[in-house]
PDB file of N, CA and C in Angstrom:
ATOM      1  N   MET A   1     -83.735 105.113  83.197  1.00  0.00           N
ATOM      2  CA  MET A   1     -84.497 104.102  83.880  1.00  0.00           C
ATOM      3  C   MET A   1     -85.849 104.668  84.250  1.00  0.00           C
ATOM      4  N   PHE A   2     -86.887 103.952  84.053  1.00  0.00           N
ATOM      5  CA  PHE A   2     -88.238 104.355  84.393  1.00  0.00           C
ATOM      6  C   PHE A   2     -88.630 105.686  83.786  1.00  0.00           C
ATOM      7  N   GLY A   3     -88.383 105.844  82.511  1.00  0.00           N
ATOM      8  CA  GLY A   3     -88.854 107.025  81.810  1.00  0.00           C
ATOM      9  C   GLY A   3     -87.958 108.239  81.948  1.00  0.00           C
ATOM     10  N   ALA A   4     -86.790 108.089  82.481  1.00  0.00           N
ATOM     11  CA  ALA A   4     -85.891 109.229  82.570  1.00  0.00           C
ATOM     12  C   ALA A   4     -85.530 109.708  81.177  1.00  0.00           C
ATOM     13  N   ARG A   5     -85.130 110.947  81.068  1.00  0.00           N
ATOM     14  CA  ARG A   5     -84.875 111.541  79.756  1.00  0.00           C
ATOM     15  C   ARG A   5     -83.526 111.166  79.169  1.00  0.00           C
ATOM     16  N   SER A   6     -82.591 110.832  79.995  1.00  0.00           N
ATOM     17  CA  SER A   6     -81.253 110.542  79.509  1.00  0.00           C
ATOM     18  C   SER A   6     -81.094 109.048  79.231  1.00  0.00           C
ATOM     19  N   VAL A   7     -80.454 108.723  78.118  1.00  0.00           N
ATOM     20  CA  VAL A   7     -80.212 107.324  77.765  1.00  0.00           C
ATOM     21  C   VAL A   7     -79.320 106.661  78.813  1.00  0.00           C
ATOM     22  N   ASP A   8     -78.486 107.433  79.505  1.00  0.00           N
ATOM     23  CA  ASP A   8     -77.598 106.879  80.522  1.00  0.00           C
ATOM     24  C   ASP A   8     -78.357 106.193  81.652  1.00  0.00           C
ATOM     25  N   PHE A   9     -79.633 106.488  81.790  1.00  0.00           N
ATOM     26  CA  PHE A   9     -80.403 105.942  82.893  1.00  0.00           C
ATOM     27  C   PHE A   9     -81.300 104.782  82.456  1.00  0.00           C
ATOM     28  N   LEU A  10     -81.188 104.380  81.218  1.00  0.00           N
ATOM     29  CA  LEU A  10     -82.054 103.318  80.719  1.00  0.00           C
ATOM     30  C   LEU A  10     -81.325 101.981  80.755  1.00  0.00           C
ATOM     31  N   LEU A  11     -82.091 100.955  81.010  1.00  0.00           N
ATOM     32  CA  LEU A  11     -81.568  99.604  80.965  1.00  0.00           C
ATOM     33  C   LEU A  11     -82.513  98.800  80.089  1.00  0.00           C
ATOM     34  N   TRP A  12     -82.044  98.464  78.886  1.00  0.00           N
ATOM     35  CA  TRP A  12     -82.882  97.750  77.924  1.00  0.00           C
ATOM     36  C   TRP A  12     -82.652  96.258  78.040  1.00  0.00           C
ATOM     37  N   VAL A  13     -83.739  95.508  78.113  1.00  0.00           N
ATOM     38  CA  VAL A  13     -83.666  94.051  78.066  1.00  0.00           C
ATOM     39  C   VAL A  13     -84.775  93.552  77.157  1.00  0.00           C
ATOM     40  N   LYS A  14     -84.549  92.388  76.567  1.00  0.00           N
ATOM     41  CA  LYS A  14     -85.587  91.767  75.749  1.00  0.00           C
ATOM     42  C   LYS A  14     -86.616  91.142  76.693  1.00  0.00           C
ATOM     43  N   PRO A  15     -87.875  91.526  76.575  1.00  0.00           N
ATOM     44  CA  PRO A  15     -88.877  91.036  77.526  1.00  0.00           C
ATOM     45  C   PRO A  15     -89.040  89.517  77.517  1.00  0.00           C
ATOM     46  N   GLU A  16     -88.766  88.886  76.380  1.00  0.00           N
ATOM     47  CA  GLU A  16     -88.934  87.437  76.314  1.00  0.00           C
ATOM     48  C   GLU A  16     -87.726  86.676  76.871  1.00  0.00           C
ATOM     49  N   ASP A  17     -86.651  87.394  77.186  1.00  0.00           N
ATOM     50  CA  ASP A  17     -85.423  86.762  77.680  1.00  0.00           C
ATOM     51  C   ASP A  17     -85.348  86.934  79.201  1.00  0.00           C
ATOM     52  N   THR A  18     -85.826  85.950  79.927  1.00  0.00           N
ATOM     53  CA  THR A  18     -85.862  86.064  81.384  1.00  0.00           C
ATOM     54  C   THR A  18     -84.471  86.133  81.999  1.00  0.00           C
ATOM     55  N   GLY A  19     -83.499  85.490  81.372  1.00  0.00           N
ATOM     56  CA  GLY A  19     -82.123  85.572  81.870  1.00  0.00           C
ATOM     57  C   GLY A  19     -81.586  86.989  81.774  1.00  0.00           C
ATOM     58  N   GLU A  20     -81.857  87.641  80.657  1.00  0.00           N
ATOM     59  CA  GLU A  20     -81.414  89.016  80.474  1.00  0.00           C
ATOM     60  C   GLU A  20     -82.128  89.941  81.454  1.00  0.00           C
ATOM     61  N   LEU A  21     -83.411  89.702  81.654  1.00  0.00           N
ATOM     62  CA  LEU A  21     -84.169  90.500  82.625  1.00  0.00           C
ATOM     63  C   LEU A  21     -83.588  90.325  84.026  1.00  0.00           C
ATOM     64  N   LEU A  22     -83.275  89.104  84.386  1.00  0.00           N
ATOM     65  CA  LEU A  22     -82.689  88.831  85.694  1.00  0.00           C
ATOM     66  C   LEU A  22     -81.345  89.538  85.846  1.00  0.00           C
ATOM     67  N   ARG A  23     -80.495  89.476  84.809  1.00  0.00           N
ATOM     68  CA  ARG A  23     -79.200  90.157  84.865  1.00  0.00           C
ATOM     69  C   ARG A  23     -79.386  91.673  84.977  1.00  0.00           C
ATOM     70  N   GLY A  24     -80.382  92.217  84.264  1.00  0.00           N
ATOM     71  CA  GLY A  24     -80.651  93.649  84.348  1.00  0.00           C
ATOM     72  C   GLY A  24     -81.105  94.066  85.734  1.00  0.00           C
ATOM     73  N   LEU A  25     -81.989  93.273  86.321  1.00  0.00           N
ATOM     74  CA  LEU A  25     -82.444  93.569  87.684  1.00  0.00           C
ATOM     75  C   LEU A  25     -81.301  93.451  88.679  1.00  0.00           C
ATOM     76  N   GLN A  26     -80.461  92.445  88.488  1.00  0.00           N
ATOM     77  CA  GLN A  26     -79.311  92.267  89.375  1.00  0.00           C
ATOM     78  C   GLN A  26     -78.358  93.449  89.257  1.00  0.00           C
ATOM     79  N   CYS A  27     -78.155  93.929  88.044  1.00  0.00           N
ATOM     80  CA  CYS A  27     -77.299  95.094  87.828  1.00  0.00           C
ATOM     81  C   CYS A  27     -77.850  96.303  88.583  1.00  0.00           C
ATOM     82  N   CYS A  28     -79.162  96.512  88.498  1.00  0.00           N
ATOM     83  CA  CYS A  28     -79.792  97.624  89.225  1.00  0.00           C
ATOM     84  C   CYS A  28     -79.603  97.471  90.729  1.00  0.00           C
ATOM     85  N   MET A  29     -79.755  96.264  91.218  1.00  0.00           N
ATOM     86  CA  MET A  29     -79.582  96.023  92.650  1.00  0.00           C
ATOM     87  C   MET A  29     -78.125  96.208  93.071  1.00  0.00           C
ATOM     88  N   ASP A  30     -77.205  95.760  92.233  1.00  0.00           N
ATOM     89  CA  ASP A  30     -75.781  95.881  92.558  1.00  0.00           C
ATOM     90  C   ASP A  30     -75.303  97.326  92.542  1.00  0.00           C
ATOM     91  N   HIS A  31     -75.943  98.162  91.741  1.00  0.00           N
ATOM     92  CA  HIS A  31     -75.500  99.548  91.573  1.00  0.00           C
ATOM     93  C   HIS A  31     -76.575 100.544  91.987  1.00  0.00           C
ATOM     94  N   HIS A  32     -77.421 100.155  92.927  1.00  0.00           N
ATOM     95  CA  HIS A  32     -78.559 100.996  93.287  1.00  0.00           C
ATOM     96  C   HIS A  32     -78.144 102.367  93.813  1.00  0.00           C
ATOM     97  N   ARG A  33     -77.085 102.446  94.590  1.00  0.00           N
ATOM     98  CA  ARG A  33     -76.668 103.744  95.147  1.00  0.00           C
ATOM     99  C   ARG A  33     -76.252 104.691  94.012  1.00  0.00           C
ATOM    100  N   GLU A  34     -75.468 104.193  93.079  1.00  0.00           N
ATOM    101  CA  GLU A  34     -75.046 105.009  91.938  1.00  0.00           C
ATOM    102  C   GLU A  34     -76.257 105.452  91.108  1.00  0.00           C
ATOM    103  N   LEU A  35     -77.198 104.543  90.876  1.00  0.00           N
ATOM    104  CA  LEU A  35     -78.392 104.882  90.099  1.00  0.00           C
ATOM    105  C   LEU A  35     -79.221 105.951  90.807  1.00  0.00           C
ATOM    106  N   ILE A  36     -79.378 105.803  92.115  1.00  0.00           N
ATOM    107  CA  ILE A  36     -80.132 106.800  92.885  1.00  0.00           C
ATOM    108  C   ILE A  36     -79.452 108.153  92.799  1.00  0.00           C
ATOM    109  N   ASP A  37     -78.140 108.188  92.984  1.00  0.00           N
ATOM    110  CA  ASP A  37     -77.401 109.455  92.928  1.00  0.00           C
ATOM    111  C   ASP A  37     -77.512 110.102  91.551  1.00  0.00           C
ATOM    112  N   ARG A  38     -77.314 109.316  90.501  1.00  0.00           N
ATOM    113  CA  ARG A  38     -77.367 109.864  89.140  1.00  0.00           C
ATOM    114  C   ARG A  38     -78.765 110.352  88.798  1.00  0.00           C
ATOM    115  N   CYS A  39     -79.770 109.570  89.146  1.00  0.00           N
ATOM    116  CA  CYS A  39     -81.155 109.971  88.863  1.00  0.00           C
ATOM    117  C   CYS A  39     -81.529 111.211  89.654  1.00  0.00           C
ATOM    118  N   SER A  40     -81.082 111.288  90.892  1.00  0.00           N
ATOM    119  CA  SER A  40     -81.380 112.461  91.719  1.00  0.00           C
ATOM    120  C   SER A  40     -80.782 113.724  91.105  1.00  0.00           C
ATOM    121  N   ARG A  41     -79.530 113.644  90.696  1.00  0.00           N
ATOM    122  CA  ARG A  41     -78.883 114.822  90.077  1.00  0.00           C
ATOM    123  C   ARG A  41     -79.586 115.213  88.782  1.00  0.00           C
ATOM    124  N   GLU A  42     -79.902 114.225  87.956  1.00  0.00           N
ATOM    125  CA  GLU A  42     -80.549 114.511  86.678  1.00  0.00           C
ATOM    126  C   GLU A  42     -81.943 115.100  86.887  1.00  0.00           C
ATOM    127  N   ASN A  43     -82.700 114.534  87.797  1.00  0.00           N
ATOM    128  CA  ASN A  43     -84.043 115.056  88.054  1.00  0.00           C
ATOM    129  C   ASN A  43     -83.998 116.456  88.642  1.00  0.00           C
ATOM    130  N   TYR A  44     -83.030 116.739  89.502  1.00  0.00           N
ATOM    131  CA  TYR A  44     -82.871 118.078  90.055  1.00  0.00           C
ATOM    132  C   TYR A  44     -82.570 119.082  88.943  1.00  0.00           C
ATOM    133  N   ARG A  45     -81.681 118.685  88.022  1.00  0.00           N
ATOM    134  CA  ARG A  45     -81.359 119.553  86.886  1.00  0.00           C
ATOM    135  C   ARG A  45     -82.608 119.821  86.043  1.00  0.00           C
ATOM    136  N   ILE A  46     -83.402 118.798  85.781  1.00  0.00           N
ATOM    137  CA  ILE A  46     -84.620 118.955  84.991  1.00  0.00           C
ATOM    138  C   ILE A  46     -85.584 119.918  85.671  1.00  0.00           C
ATOM    139  N   VAL A  47     -85.724 119.790  86.983  1.00  0.00           N
ATOM    140  CA  VAL A  47     -86.612 120.699  87.725  1.00  0.00           C
ATOM    141  C   VAL A  47     -86.109 122.130  87.616  1.00  0.00           C
ATOM    142  N   LEU A  48     -84.815 122.346  87.830  1.00  0.00           N
ATOM    143  CA  LEU A  48     -84.268 123.699  87.753  1.00  0.00           C
ATOM    144  C   LEU A  48     -84.439 124.317  86.373  1.00  0.00           C
ATOM    145  N   GLU A  49     -84.281 123.516  85.330  1.00  0.00           N
ATOM    146  CA  GLU A  49     -84.375 124.038  83.969  1.00  0.00           C
ATOM    147  C   GLU A  49     -85.816 124.261  83.508  1.00  0.00           C
ATOM    148  N   ASN A  50     -86.766 123.566  84.099  1.00  0.00           N
ATOM    149  CA  ASN A  50     -88.120 123.600  83.558  1.00  0.00           C
ATOM    150  C   ASN A  50     -89.213 124.043  84.513  1.00  0.00           C
ATOM    151  N   TYR A  51     -89.014 123.925  85.818  1.00  0.00           N
ATOM    152  CA  TYR A  51     -90.146 124.100  86.717  1.00  0.00           C
ATOM    153  C   TYR A  51     -89.955 125.137  87.820  1.00  0.00           C
ATOM    154  N   THR A  52     -88.904 125.947  87.744  1.00  0.00           N
ATOM    155  CA  THR A  52     -88.783 127.051  88.697  1.00  0.00           C
ATOM    156  C   THR A  52     -89.650 128.207  88.209  1.00  0.00           C
ATOM    157  N   TRP A  53     -89.916 129.158  89.080  1.00  0.00           N
ATOM    158  CA  TRP A  53     -90.713 130.324  88.681  1.00  0.00           C
ATOM    159  C   TRP A  53     -90.069 131.031  87.500  1.00  0.00           C
ATOM    160  N   ASP A  54     -88.748 131.194  87.541  1.00  0.00           N
ATOM    161  CA  ASP A  54     -88.053 131.881  86.452  1.00  0.00           C
ATOM    162  C   ASP A  54     -88.196 131.127  85.132  1.00  0.00           C
ATOM    163  N   ALA A  55     -88.041 129.803  85.171  1.00  0.00           N
ATOM    164  CA  ALA A  55     -88.141 129.006  83.946  1.00  0.00           C
ATOM    165  C   ALA A  55     -89.555 129.056  83.373  1.00  0.00           C
ATOM    166  N   VAL A  56     -90.556 128.894  84.235  1.00  0.00           N
ATOM    167  CA  VAL A  56     -91.948 128.903  83.774  1.00  0.00           C
ATOM    168  C   VAL A  56     -92.322 130.294  83.256  1.00  0.00           C
ATOM    169  N   ALA A  57     -91.928 131.333  83.980  1.00  0.00           N
ATOM    170  CA  ALA A  57     -92.238 132.697  83.548  1.00  0.00           C
ATOM    171  C   ALA A  57     -91.580 133.002  82.211  1.00  0.00           C
ATOM    172  N   GLY A  58     -90.333 132.556  82.028  1.00  0.00           N
ATOM    173  CA  GLY A  58     -89.643 132.775  80.762  1.00  0.00           C
ATOM    174  C   GLY A  58     -90.355 132.103  79.603  1.00  0.00           C
ATOM    175  N   LYS A  59     -90.796 130.873  79.815  1.00  0.00           N
ATOM    176  CA  LYS A  59     -91.526 130.166  78.754  1.00  0.00           C
ATOM    177  C   LYS A  59     -92.866 130.834  78.478  1.00  0.00           C
ATOM    178  N   TYR A  60     -93.514 131.328  79.504  1.00  0.00           N
ATOM    179  CA  TYR A  60     -94.792 132.005  79.336  1.00  0.00           C
ATOM    180  C   TYR A  60     -94.608 133.302  78.551  1.00  0.00           C
ATOM    181  N   LEU A  61     -93.554 134.057  78.879  1.00  0.00           N
ATOM    182  CA  LEU A  61     -93.262 135.283  78.133  1.00  0.00           C
ATOM    183  C   LEU A  61     -92.962 134.986  76.666  1.00  0.00           C
ATOM    184  N   GLU A  62     -92.207 133.923  76.410  1.00  0.00           N
ATOM    185  CA  GLU A  62     -91.932 133.525  75.026  1.00  0.00           C
ATOM    186  C   GLU A  62     -93.232 133.207  74.289  1.00  0.00           C
ATOM    187  N   TYR A  63     -94.134 132.511  74.956  1.00  0.00           N
ATOM    188  CA  TYR A  63     -95.411 132.181  74.341  1.00  0.00           C
ATOM    189  C   TYR A  63     -96.205 133.449  74.040  1.00  0.00           C
ATOM    190  N   LEU A  64     -96.274 134.353  75.003  1.00  0.00           N
ATOM    191  CA  LEU A  64     -97.022 135.594  74.791  1.00  0.00           C
ATOM    192  C   LEU A  64     -96.456 136.383  73.604  1.00  0.00           C
ATOM    193  N   LYS A  65     -95.145 136.447  73.517  1.00  0.00           N
ATOM    194  CA  LYS A  65     -94.518 137.142  72.386  1.00  0.00           C
ATOM    195  C   LYS A  65     -94.837 136.448  71.075  1.00  0.00           C
ATOM    196  N   SER A  66     -94.899 135.112  71.094  1.00  0.00           N
ATOM    197  CA  SER A  66     -95.153 134.361  69.864  1.00  0.00           C
ATOM    198  C   SER A  66     -96.566 134.590  69.321  1.00  0.00           C
ATOM    199  N   ILE A  67     -97.481 134.979  70.191  1.00  0.00           N
ATOM    200  CA  ILE A  67     -98.856 135.234  69.741  1.00  0.00           C
ATOM    201  C   ILE A  67     -99.130 136.732  69.606  1.00  0.00           C
ATOM    202  N   GLY A  68     -98.062 137.528  69.724  1.00  0.00           N
ATOM    203  CA  GLY A  68     -98.191 138.958  69.468  1.00  0.00           C
ATOM    204  C   GLY A  68     -98.526 139.828  70.650  1.00  0.00           C
ATOM    205  N   VAL A  69     -98.527 139.301  71.850  1.00  0.00           N
ATOM    206  CA  VAL A  69     -98.785 140.118  73.039  1.00  0.00           C
ATOM    207  C   VAL A  69     -97.505 140.836  73.409  1.00  0.00           C
ATOM    208  N   LYS A  70     -97.618 142.138  73.641  1.00  0.00           N
ATOM    209  CA  LYS A  70     -96.418 142.922  73.995  1.00  0.00           C
ATOM    210  C   LYS A  70     -96.410 143.274  75.455  1.00  0.00           C
TER     211      LYS A  70
END
């Protein structure tokens, strides 16, 4: 949902089908707590895997090695 990386968080509706859009919005409203919990866990995992000092430093070291810096 809203650009999340996992397909589990997406809700696809046909933009020209207002009934489908309404049902999709209602589904989000009916299950908002579950969606918030799932998105929070997924986003936390993404941060840990990509944006901690260790993760960033590891990627930077890989880049330096790839260009021949020792």
